[in-house]
Amino acid sequence: MKAQLQITKDGTVIHSDVYEMDDANSFGKACSIAWSALRARQLNEETSIGALMEHLDRGVLDLLKGAQITINATG
């Protein structure tokens, strides 16, 4: 089934996309894609290589701290 995976933090959507999720493996794949998208966005938003190196070790976990993940069927 198609489902929307949405991640919000402090009332702001930080990731939202529709994925095919039928079982644990496809759910895991959707989460992996979301993780990669958040990581890429985080890296692309850095203003310099110095800032990138400073924040590289924090990763996506810090971004997700306090976030809410919801899944809704889309039809």
C-alpha atoms as a PDB file:
ATOM      1  CA  MET A   1       0.000   0.000   0.000  1.00  0.00           C
ATOM      2  CA  LYS A   2       1.098   3.542  -0.564  1.00  0.00           C
ATOM      3  CA  ALA A   3       1.619   5.534   2.602  1.00  0.00           C
ATOM      4  CA  GLN A   4       2.888   8.978   3.436  1.00  0.00           C
ATOM      5  CA  LEU A   5       5.772   9.064   5.874  1.00  0.00           C
ATOM      6  CA  GLN A   6       6.026  12.509   7.460  1.00  0.00           C
ATOM      7  CA  ILE A   7       8.542  13.766   9.997  1.00  0.00           C
ATOM      8  CA  THR A   8       7.816  16.954  11.924  1.00  0.00           C
ATOM      9  CA  LYS A   9       9.812  18.794  14.528  1.00  0.00           C
ATOM     10  CA  ASP A  10       8.548  21.752  16.523  1.00  0.00           C
ATOM     11  CA  GLY A  11       5.498  21.961  14.240  1.00  0.00           C
ATOM     12  CA  THR A  12       7.585  22.140  11.050  1.00  0.00           C
ATOM     13  CA  VAL A  13       7.625  19.362   8.451  1.00  0.00           C
ATOM     14  CA  ILE A  14      11.240  18.343   7.917  1.00  0.00           C
ATOM     15  CA  HIS A  15      10.480  15.423   5.577  1.00  0.00           C
ATOM     16  CA  SER A  16       7.413  14.156   3.790  1.00  0.00           C
ATOM     17  CA  ASP A  17       7.092  11.666   0.955  1.00  0.00           C
ATOM     18  CA  VAL A  18       4.913   8.793  -0.236  1.00  0.00           C
ATOM     19  CA  TYR A  19       6.357   5.278  -0.227  1.00  0.00           C
ATOM     20  CA  GLU A  20       5.164   1.786  -1.077  1.00  0.00           C
ATOM     21  CA  MET A  21       5.000   0.018   2.302  1.00  0.00           C
ATOM     22  CA  ASP A  22       3.698  -3.534   2.468  1.00  0.00           C
ATOM     23  CA  ASP A  23       5.907  -5.148   5.106  1.00  0.00           C
ATOM     24  CA  ALA A  24       8.758  -4.557   7.530  1.00  0.00           C
ATOM     25  CA  ASN A  25      11.350  -4.503   4.755  1.00  0.00           C
ATOM     26  CA  SER A  26       9.564  -1.862   2.688  1.00  0.00           C
ATOM     27  CA  PHE A  27       8.943   0.200   5.848  1.00  0.00           C
ATOM     28  CA  GLY A  28      12.657  -0.016   6.656  1.00  0.00           C
ATOM     29  CA  LYS A  29      13.528   1.027   3.108  1.00  0.00           C
ATOM     30  CA  ALA A  30      11.217   4.058   3.372  1.00  0.00           C
ATOM     31  CA  CYS A  31      12.864   5.073   6.644  1.00  0.00           C
ATOM     32  CA  SER A  32      16.303   4.619   5.086  1.00  0.00           C
ATOM     33  CA  ILE A  33      15.369   6.856   2.149  1.00  0.00           C
ATOM     34  CA  ALA A  34      14.001   9.484   4.543  1.00  0.00           C
ATOM     35  CA  TRP A  35      17.207   9.305   6.620  1.00  0.00           C
ATOM     36  CA  SER A  36      19.337   9.767   3.496  1.00  0.00           C
ATOM     37  CA  ALA A  37      17.227  12.719   2.354  1.00  0.00           C
ATOM     38  CA  LEU A  38      17.571  14.415   5.742  1.00  0.00           C
ATOM     39  CA  ARG A  39      21.326  13.778   5.737  1.00  0.00           C
ATOM     40  CA  ALA A  40      21.728  15.193   2.230  1.00  0.00           C
ATOM     41  CA  ARG A  41      19.721  18.284   3.132  1.00  0.00           C
ATOM     42  CA  GLN A  42      21.784  18.794   6.273  1.00  0.00           C
ATOM     43  CA  LEU A  43      25.030  18.566   4.315  1.00  0.00           C
ATOM     44  CA  ASN A  44      23.785  20.827   1.510  1.00  0.00           C
ATOM     45  CA  GLU A  45      22.790  23.553   3.970  1.00  0.00           C
ATOM     46  CA  GLU A  46      26.289  23.956   5.413  1.00  0.00           C
ATOM     47  CA  THR A  47      27.864  27.281   4.511  1.00  0.00           C
ATOM     48  CA  SER A  48      31.492  26.162   4.422  1.00  0.00           C
ATOM     49  CA  ILE A  49      33.702  23.107   4.607  1.00  0.00           C
ATOM     50  CA  GLY A  50      34.633  24.119   8.153  1.00  0.00           C
ATOM     51  CA  ALA A  51      30.989  24.161   9.216  1.00  0.00           C
ATOM     52  CA  LEU A  52      30.466  20.832   7.483  1.00  0.00           C
ATOM     53  CA  MET A  53      33.363  19.216   9.338  1.00  0.00           C
ATOM     54  CA  GLU A  54      32.123  20.679  12.625  1.00  0.00           C
ATOM     55  CA  HIS A  55      28.622  19.219  12.211  1.00  0.00           C
ATOM     56  CA  LEU A  56      29.448  15.999  10.370  1.00  0.00           C
ATOM     57  CA  ASP A  57      29.693  13.905  13.527  1.00  0.00           C
ATOM     58  CA  ARG A  58      26.290  15.015  14.872  1.00  0.00           C
ATOM     59  CA  GLY A  59      24.366  13.443  12.048  1.00  0.00           C
ATOM     60  CA  VAL A  60      20.678  12.991  11.585  1.00  0.00           C
ATOM     61  CA  LEU A  61      20.016  11.685  15.100  1.00  0.00           C
ATOM     62  CA  ASP A  62      20.383  15.183  16.535  1.00  0.00           C
ATOM     63  CA  LEU A  63      18.016  16.484  13.879  1.00  0.00           C
ATOM     64  CA  LEU A  64      15.450  13.804  14.781  1.00  0.00           C
ATOM     65  CA  LYS A  65      15.679  14.341  18.544  1.00  0.00           C
ATOM     66  CA  GLY A  66      12.180  15.383  19.607  1.00  0.00           C
ATOM     67  CA  ALA A  67      10.714  14.810  16.129  1.00  0.00           C
ATOM     68  CA  GLN A  68       7.393  13.106  15.457  1.00  0.00           C
ATOM     69  CA  ILE A  69       7.044  10.491  12.704  1.00  0.00           C
ATOM     70  CA  THR A  70       3.590   9.746  11.280  1.00  0.00           C
ATOM     71  CA  ILE A  71       2.421   7.315   8.632  1.00  0.00           C
ATOM     72  CA  ASN A  72      -0.869   7.757   6.783  1.00  0.00           C
ATOM     73  CA  ALA A  73      -2.359   5.542   4.065  1.00  0.00           C
ATOM     74  CA  THR A  74      -2.820   7.470   0.828  1.00  0.00           C
ATOM     75  CA  GLY A  75      -5.281   5.275  -0.991  1.00  0.00           C
END
